[in-house]
Amino acid sequence: MLFINAALDDWRVVEPNLEYIKDGFEFTESGLGIKTLEEGNGELPVKGKKILVHYTGTLEDGNKFDSSLDRGQPFDFPVGVGWVIKGWDEAFAKLKFGTKAIIRVPPELGYGRKQAGVIPPNSVLYFEVESIGYK
């Protein structure tokens, strides 16, 4: 028992070091983070026009919750008009077509305090994305 007690005296909760995830991000005033992996040569999308994107979404712990790549077809939405989470509207308005990036979406620009499927409330979301072009 003494061995166990001695071990418990040294025991502490170690938080995973996720600081590396934040490296290389440029943060907007709203708290959205964008890390450009490959800069595209295309134009910026026009607000209200439908664009095509590929994405893989993960939680802060790295667990994948959705991916257009798994479905084999890009996702389309009109940019900047509220059809998607606020973080996406803000991010894709800033990404030229052809750009590949990682987007860090804080809860207030994602699903906030609501659970969304497998996404817990107050989740920071990460999306590896490619802005393809207009639909």
N, C-alpha and C. Protein backbone atom coordinates (compact mmCIF):
# COMPACT_ATOMS: atom_id res chain seq x y z
N MET A 1 0.81 -1.20 0.00
CA MET A 1 0.00 0.00 0.00
C MET A 1 0.85 1.26 0.00
N LEU A 2 1.95 1.21 0.68
CA LEU A 2 2.82 2.37 0.75
C LEU A 2 3.27 2.79 -0.65
N PHE A 3 3.58 1.81 -1.48
CA PHE A 3 4.01 2.10 -2.85
C PHE A 3 2.92 2.84 -3.62
N ILE A 4 1.69 2.37 -3.47
CA ILE A 4 0.57 3.01 -4.15
C ILE A 4 0.37 4.43 -3.64
N ASN A 5 0.42 4.60 -2.32
CA ASN A 5 0.25 5.94 -1.76
C ASN A 5 1.36 6.88 -2.21
N ALA A 6 2.58 6.38 -2.25
CA ALA A 6 3.69 7.22 -2.71
C ALA A 6 3.48 7.61 -4.17
N ALA A 7 3.00 6.66 -4.94
CA ALA A 7 2.73 6.95 -6.36
C ALA A 7 1.61 7.98 -6.49
N LEU A 8 0.59 7.86 -5.65
CA LEU A 8 -0.51 8.81 -5.70
C LEU A 8 -0.08 10.21 -5.29
N ASP A 9 0.91 10.30 -4.38
CA ASP A 9 1.42 11.61 -3.99
C ASP A 9 2.04 12.33 -5.18
N ASP A 10 2.64 11.57 -6.08
CA ASP A 10 3.27 12.17 -7.27
C ASP A 10 2.31 12.31 -8.44
N TRP A 11 1.15 11.73 -8.32
CA TRP A 11 0.19 11.71 -9.43
C TRP A 11 -0.42 13.09 -9.63
N ARG A 12 -0.55 13.49 -10.86
CA ARG A 12 -1.22 14.75 -11.19
C ARG A 12 -1.83 14.61 -12.57
N VAL A 13 -2.80 15.43 -12.85
CA VAL A 13 -3.43 15.42 -14.16
C VAL A 13 -2.53 16.17 -15.12
N VAL A 14 -2.21 15.53 -16.22
CA VAL A 14 -1.37 16.16 -17.23
C VAL A 14 -2.26 16.48 -18.42
N GLU A 15 -2.40 17.75 -18.70
CA GLU A 15 -3.19 18.17 -19.86
C GLU A 15 -2.38 17.90 -21.12
N PRO A 16 -3.03 17.44 -22.18
CA PRO A 16 -2.29 17.25 -23.43
C PRO A 16 -1.79 18.59 -23.94
N ASN A 17 -0.59 18.59 -24.48
CA ASN A 17 -0.01 19.83 -25.00
C ASN A 17 -0.51 20.05 -26.42
N LEU A 18 -1.56 20.84 -26.54
CA LEU A 18 -2.14 21.11 -27.86
C LEU A 18 -1.70 22.45 -28.41
N GLU A 19 -0.71 23.09 -27.76
CA GLU A 19 -0.23 24.39 -28.23
C GLU A 19 0.30 24.30 -29.66
N TYR A 20 0.88 23.15 -30.02
CA TYR A 20 1.43 23.01 -31.36
C TYR A 20 0.37 23.22 -32.43
N ILE A 21 -0.88 22.93 -32.10
CA ILE A 21 -1.96 23.10 -33.06
C ILE A 21 -2.10 24.57 -33.46
N LYS A 22 -1.83 25.47 -32.53
CA LYS A 22 -2.00 26.90 -32.77
C LYS A 22 -0.84 27.50 -33.56
N ASP A 23 0.29 26.80 -33.65
CA ASP A 23 1.45 27.33 -34.37
C ASP A 23 1.11 27.62 -35.82
N GLY A 24 1.48 28.81 -36.27
CA GLY A 24 1.31 29.16 -37.67
C GLY A 24 -0.04 29.74 -38.03
N PHE A 25 -0.95 29.85 -37.09
CA PHE A 25 -2.26 30.42 -37.37
C PHE A 25 -2.21 31.94 -37.33
N GLU A 26 -2.93 32.56 -38.23
CA GLU A 26 -3.20 33.99 -38.14
C GLU A 26 -4.62 34.11 -37.62
N PHE A 27 -4.78 34.90 -36.57
CA PHE A 27 -6.09 35.03 -35.93
C PHE A 27 -6.75 36.35 -36.30
N THR A 28 -8.04 36.27 -36.58
CA THR A 28 -8.82 37.47 -36.88
C THR A 28 -9.33 38.07 -35.58
N GLU A 29 -9.91 39.23 -35.67
CA GLU A 29 -10.47 39.90 -34.49
C GLU A 29 -11.54 39.05 -33.81
N SER A 30 -12.27 38.26 -34.58
CA SER A 30 -13.35 37.43 -34.04
C SER A 30 -12.84 36.19 -33.31
N GLY A 31 -11.55 35.85 -33.49
CA GLY A 31 -10.98 34.66 -32.87
C GLY A 31 -10.79 33.50 -33.83
N LEU A 32 -11.22 33.66 -35.08
CA LEU A 32 -11.02 32.64 -36.10
C LEU A 32 -9.53 32.52 -36.41
N GLY A 33 -9.04 31.29 -36.52
CA GLY A 33 -7.66 31.06 -36.89
C GLY A 33 -7.57 30.44 -38.27
N ILE A 34 -6.64 30.95 -39.08
CA ILE A 34 -6.42 30.39 -40.42
C ILE A 34 -4.92 30.13 -40.59
N LYS A 35 -4.59 28.89 -40.93
CA LYS A 35 -3.22 28.51 -41.24
C LYS A 35 -3.20 28.08 -42.70
N THR A 36 -2.57 28.88 -43.55
CA THR A 36 -2.51 28.57 -44.98
C THR A 36 -1.45 27.49 -45.21
N LEU A 37 -1.87 26.41 -45.86
CA LEU A 37 -0.97 25.32 -46.21
C LEU A 37 -0.43 25.49 -47.62
N GLU A 38 -1.31 25.97 -48.51
CA GLU A 38 -0.94 26.19 -49.91
C GLU A 38 -1.81 27.32 -50.44
N GLU A 39 -1.18 28.40 -50.85
CA GLU A 39 -1.91 29.57 -51.35
C GLU A 39 -2.42 29.30 -52.76
N GLY A 40 -3.70 29.56 -52.98
CA GLY A 40 -4.28 29.38 -54.30
C GLY A 40 -4.03 30.58 -55.20
N ASN A 41 -4.21 30.37 -56.50
CA ASN A 41 -4.02 31.43 -57.49
C ASN A 41 -5.33 32.04 -57.95
N GLY A 42 -6.45 31.51 -57.47
CA GLY A 42 -7.75 31.97 -57.93
C GLY A 42 -8.18 33.26 -57.26
N GLU A 43 -9.40 33.65 -57.59
CA GLU A 43 -9.96 34.88 -57.02
C GLU A 43 -10.60 34.59 -55.67
N LEU A 44 -10.91 35.65 -54.95
CA LEU A 44 -11.71 35.53 -53.73
C LEU A 44 -13.17 35.35 -54.13
N PRO A 45 -13.93 34.55 -53.40
CA PRO A 45 -15.34 34.35 -53.76
C PRO A 45 -16.18 35.60 -53.53
N VAL A 46 -17.22 35.72 -54.32
CA VAL A 46 -18.17 36.83 -54.21
C VAL A 46 -19.27 36.41 -53.24
N LYS A 47 -19.58 37.30 -52.30
CA LYS A 47 -20.61 37.03 -51.30
C LYS A 47 -21.92 36.63 -51.98
N GLY A 48 -22.52 35.53 -51.49
CA GLY A 48 -23.81 35.07 -52.00
C GLY A 48 -23.71 34.04 -53.11
N LYS A 49 -22.54 33.92 -53.75
CA LYS A 49 -22.37 32.92 -54.81
C LYS A 49 -22.00 31.58 -54.20
N LYS A 50 -22.50 30.50 -54.81
CA LYS A 50 -22.21 29.15 -54.31
C LYS A 50 -20.78 28.76 -54.68
N ILE A 51 -20.07 28.26 -53.65
CA ILE A 51 -18.72 27.77 -53.87
C ILE A 51 -18.65 26.28 -53.52
N LEU A 52 -17.62 25.63 -54.03
CA LEU A 52 -17.35 24.22 -53.74
C LEU A 52 -16.12 24.13 -52.86
N VAL A 53 -16.21 23.32 -51.81
CA VAL A 53 -15.07 23.13 -50.91
C VAL A 53 -14.95 21.67 -50.52
N HIS A 54 -13.74 21.25 -50.25
CA HIS A 54 -13.50 19.96 -49.61
C HIS A 54 -13.05 20.26 -48.20
N TYR A 55 -13.43 19.40 -47.26
CA TYR A 55 -13.06 19.63 -45.87
C TYR A 55 -13.02 18.33 -45.09
N THR A 56 -12.23 18.34 -44.04
CA THR A 56 -12.26 17.31 -43.01
C THR A 56 -12.31 18.04 -41.69
N GLY A 57 -13.33 17.75 -40.89
CA GLY A 57 -13.51 18.41 -39.60
C GLY A 57 -13.10 17.51 -38.46
N THR A 58 -12.32 18.08 -37.52
CA THR A 58 -11.91 17.34 -36.34
C THR A 58 -12.15 18.18 -35.09
N LEU A 59 -12.30 17.48 -33.99
CA LEU A 59 -12.39 18.14 -32.69
C LEU A 59 -10.97 18.46 -32.22
N GLU A 60 -10.88 19.21 -31.15
CA GLU A 60 -9.57 19.62 -30.64
C GLU A 60 -8.71 18.42 -30.24
N ASP A 61 -9.35 17.30 -29.89
CA ASP A 61 -8.59 16.10 -29.52
C ASP A 61 -8.16 15.28 -30.74
N GLY A 62 -8.50 15.76 -31.94
CA GLY A 62 -8.09 15.08 -33.16
C GLY A 62 -9.10 14.12 -33.73
N ASN A 63 -10.21 13.88 -33.04
CA ASN A 63 -11.24 12.96 -33.55
C ASN A 63 -12.00 13.59 -34.71
N LYS A 64 -12.03 12.86 -35.83
CA LYS A 64 -12.74 13.34 -37.02
C LYS A 64 -14.24 13.20 -36.81
N PHE A 65 -15.00 14.25 -37.20
CA PHE A 65 -16.45 14.16 -37.10
C PHE A 65 -17.14 14.24 -38.45
N ASP A 66 -16.45 14.70 -39.50
CA ASP A 66 -17.09 14.79 -40.81
C ASP A 66 -16.03 15.04 -41.87
N SER A 67 -16.31 14.62 -43.10
CA SER A 67 -15.38 14.86 -44.20
C SER A 67 -16.08 14.72 -45.54
N SER A 68 -15.95 15.74 -46.37
CA SER A 68 -16.48 15.65 -47.73
C SER A 68 -15.65 14.66 -48.55
N LEU A 69 -14.39 14.51 -48.20
CA LEU A 69 -13.52 13.58 -48.92
C LEU A 69 -13.99 12.14 -48.74
N ASP A 70 -14.49 11.83 -47.54
CA ASP A 70 -15.01 10.48 -47.28
C ASP A 70 -16.24 10.20 -48.15
N ARG A 71 -17.00 11.23 -48.46
CA ARG A 71 -18.19 11.07 -49.31
C ARG A 71 -17.84 11.13 -50.79
N GLY A 72 -16.64 11.60 -51.11
CA GLY A 72 -16.19 11.63 -52.49
C GLY A 72 -16.75 12.76 -53.32
N GLN A 73 -17.32 13.76 -52.68
CA GLN A 73 -17.80 14.92 -53.44
C GLN A 73 -17.69 16.18 -52.59
N PRO A 74 -17.37 17.30 -53.23
CA PRO A 74 -17.24 18.55 -52.47
C PRO A 74 -18.58 19.03 -51.95
N PHE A 75 -18.50 19.85 -50.92
CA PHE A 75 -19.67 20.49 -50.31
C PHE A 75 -19.84 21.85 -50.96
N ASP A 76 -21.10 22.23 -51.22
CA ASP A 76 -21.34 23.56 -51.80
C ASP A 76 -22.25 24.38 -50.89
N PHE A 77 -22.00 25.69 -50.88
CA PHE A 77 -22.82 26.62 -50.10
C PHE A 77 -22.59 28.04 -50.62
N PRO A 78 -23.58 28.91 -50.45
CA PRO A 78 -23.37 30.32 -50.81
C PRO A 78 -22.58 31.00 -49.70
N VAL A 79 -21.45 31.55 -50.03
CA VAL A 79 -20.54 32.11 -49.03
C VAL A 79 -21.06 33.45 -48.48
N GLY A 80 -20.92 33.60 -47.17
CA GLY A 80 -21.20 34.88 -46.53
C GLY A 80 -22.64 35.21 -46.25
N VAL A 81 -23.55 34.23 -46.34
CA VAL A 81 -24.97 34.55 -46.13
C VAL A 81 -25.61 33.75 -45.00
N GLY A 82 -24.81 33.07 -44.19
CA GLY A 82 -25.35 32.39 -43.02
C GLY A 82 -25.88 30.99 -43.21
N TRP A 83 -25.58 30.34 -44.32
CA TRP A 83 -26.02 28.96 -44.53
C TRP A 83 -25.15 27.96 -43.79
N VAL A 84 -23.98 28.40 -43.34
CA VAL A 84 -23.03 27.55 -42.63
C VAL A 84 -22.65 28.26 -41.33
N ILE A 85 -21.82 27.62 -40.52
CA ILE A 85 -21.39 28.27 -39.28
C ILE A 85 -20.63 29.56 -39.60
N LYS A 86 -20.67 30.49 -38.66
CA LYS A 86 -20.05 31.81 -38.86
C LYS A 86 -18.57 31.71 -39.20
N GLY A 87 -17.89 30.76 -38.59
CA GLY A 87 -16.47 30.58 -38.86
C GLY A 87 -16.18 30.25 -40.31
N TRP A 88 -17.06 29.45 -40.91
CA TRP A 88 -16.89 29.12 -42.33
C TRP A 88 -17.15 30.33 -43.21
N ASP A 89 -18.22 31.06 -42.94
CA ASP A 89 -18.51 32.25 -43.74
C ASP A 89 -17.33 33.22 -43.71
N GLU A 90 -16.79 33.43 -42.53
CA GLU A 90 -15.66 34.36 -42.40
C GLU A 90 -14.41 33.82 -43.09
N ALA A 91 -14.10 32.55 -42.87
CA ALA A 91 -12.88 31.97 -43.43
C ALA A 91 -12.90 31.91 -44.95
N PHE A 92 -13.98 31.35 -45.52
CA PHE A 92 -13.98 31.16 -46.96
C PHE A 92 -14.07 32.47 -47.73
N ALA A 93 -14.55 33.53 -47.10
CA ALA A 93 -14.53 34.85 -47.74
C ALA A 93 -13.10 35.35 -47.91
N LYS A 94 -12.16 34.80 -47.12
CA LYS A 94 -10.76 35.23 -47.14
C LYS A 94 -9.85 34.30 -47.94
N LEU A 95 -10.38 33.15 -48.38
CA LEU A 95 -9.54 32.16 -49.06
C LEU A 95 -9.74 32.21 -50.57
N LYS A 96 -8.65 32.47 -51.30
CA LYS A 96 -8.71 32.43 -52.76
C LYS A 96 -8.97 31.00 -53.21
N PHE A 97 -9.63 30.86 -54.36
CA PHE A 97 -9.85 29.53 -54.91
C PHE A 97 -8.49 28.85 -55.14
N GLY A 98 -8.44 27.58 -54.80
CA GLY A 98 -7.21 26.81 -54.90
C GLY A 98 -6.42 26.75 -53.60
N THR A 99 -6.82 27.54 -52.61
CA THR A 99 -6.11 27.57 -51.33
C THR A 99 -6.45 26.34 -50.50
N LYS A 100 -5.43 25.79 -49.86
CA LYS A 100 -5.60 24.73 -48.87
C LYS A 100 -5.17 25.32 -47.53
N ALA A 101 -5.98 25.10 -46.51
CA ALA A 101 -5.72 25.71 -45.20
C ALA A 101 -6.30 24.87 -44.08
N ILE A 102 -5.90 25.20 -42.88
CA ILE A 102 -6.54 24.67 -41.68
C ILE A 102 -7.24 25.84 -41.01
N ILE A 103 -8.50 25.65 -40.70
CA ILE A 103 -9.30 26.69 -40.05
C ILE A 103 -9.57 26.25 -38.61
N ARG A 104 -9.29 27.14 -37.67
CA ARG A 104 -9.60 26.89 -36.25
C ARG A 104 -10.81 27.75 -35.89
N VAL A 105 -11.91 27.09 -35.59
CA VAL A 105 -13.17 27.78 -35.32
C VAL A 105 -13.48 27.70 -33.82
N PRO A 106 -13.47 28.85 -33.13
CA PRO A 106 -13.83 28.84 -31.71
C PRO A 106 -15.33 28.58 -31.56
N PRO A 107 -15.77 28.15 -30.38
CA PRO A 107 -17.19 27.81 -30.19
C PRO A 107 -18.16 28.90 -30.63
N GLU A 108 -17.83 30.15 -30.35
CA GLU A 108 -18.77 31.23 -30.68
C GLU A 108 -18.94 31.44 -32.19
N LEU A 109 -18.03 30.89 -33.00
CA LEU A 109 -18.17 30.95 -34.45
C LEU A 109 -18.57 29.60 -35.03
N GLY A 110 -18.77 28.62 -34.14
CA GLY A 110 -19.18 27.28 -34.54
C GLY A 110 -20.60 27.00 -34.07
N TYR A 111 -20.72 26.00 -33.21
CA TYR A 111 -22.04 25.60 -32.71
C TYR A 111 -22.33 26.11 -31.30
N GLY A 112 -21.38 26.85 -30.71
CA GLY A 112 -21.61 27.46 -29.41
C GLY A 112 -21.90 26.44 -28.33
N ARG A 113 -22.92 26.73 -27.54
CA ARG A 113 -23.28 25.88 -26.39
C ARG A 113 -24.13 24.68 -26.78
N LYS A 114 -24.48 24.58 -28.06
CA LYS A 114 -25.35 23.48 -28.50
C LYS A 114 -24.53 22.28 -28.95
N GLN A 115 -25.05 21.10 -28.67
CA GLN A 115 -24.47 19.89 -29.23
C GLN A 115 -24.96 19.78 -30.67
N ALA A 116 -24.07 19.40 -31.57
CA ALA A 116 -24.43 19.22 -32.98
C ALA A 116 -23.97 17.82 -33.39
N GLY A 117 -24.87 16.87 -33.35
CA GLY A 117 -24.50 15.49 -33.66
C GLY A 117 -23.47 14.99 -32.66
N VAL A 118 -22.29 14.58 -33.16
CA VAL A 118 -21.23 14.09 -32.28
C VAL A 118 -20.36 15.21 -31.72
N ILE A 119 -20.63 16.44 -32.12
CA ILE A 119 -19.84 17.59 -31.66
C ILE A 119 -20.39 18.06 -30.31
N PRO A 120 -19.57 17.98 -29.25
CA PRO A 120 -20.03 18.42 -27.93
C PRO A 120 -20.22 19.93 -27.87
N PRO A 121 -21.00 20.41 -26.90
CA PRO A 121 -21.15 21.85 -26.71
C PRO A 121 -19.79 22.51 -26.45
N ASN A 122 -19.68 23.76 -26.83
CA ASN A 122 -18.48 24.59 -26.58
C ASN A 122 -17.20 24.01 -27.19
N SER A 123 -17.32 23.36 -28.34
CA SER A 123 -16.16 22.75 -28.98
C SER A 123 -15.42 23.72 -29.89
N VAL A 124 -14.08 23.64 -29.81
CA VAL A 124 -13.23 24.28 -30.81
C VAL A 124 -13.13 23.29 -31.95
N LEU A 125 -13.37 23.76 -33.17
CA LEU A 125 -13.38 22.89 -34.34
C LEU A 125 -12.20 23.21 -35.25
N TYR A 126 -11.64 22.17 -35.84
CA TYR A 126 -10.56 22.33 -36.82
C TYR A 126 -11.03 21.73 -38.13
N PHE A 127 -10.81 22.47 -39.20
CA PHE A 127 -11.18 21.99 -40.53
C PHE A 127 -9.96 22.12 -41.44
N GLU A 128 -9.57 21.01 -42.05
CA GLU A 128 -8.60 21.09 -43.13
C GLU A 128 -9.43 21.25 -44.39
N VAL A 129 -9.20 22.35 -45.11
CA VAL A 129 -10.10 22.72 -46.20
C VAL A 129 -9.34 23.00 -47.50
N GLU A 130 -10.08 22.90 -48.59
CA GLU A 130 -9.62 23.36 -49.89
C GLU A 130 -10.77 24.12 -50.53
N SER A 131 -10.52 25.36 -50.89
CA SER A 131 -11.51 26.17 -51.59
C SER A 131 -11.34 25.91 -53.08
N ILE A 132 -12.31 25.26 -53.70
CA ILE A 132 -12.16 24.75 -55.06
C ILE A 132 -12.54 25.80 -56.11
N GLY A 133 -13.73 26.37 -55.99
CA GLY A 133 -14.20 27.34 -56.98
C GLY A 133 -15.70 27.47 -56.91
N TYR A 134 -16.26 28.14 -57.92
CA TYR A 134 -17.71 28.30 -57.96
C TYR A 134 -18.38 27.02 -58.40
N LYS A 135 -19.62 26.83 -57.93
CA LYS A 135 -20.41 25.69 -58.37
C LYS A 135 -21.01 26.00 -59.72
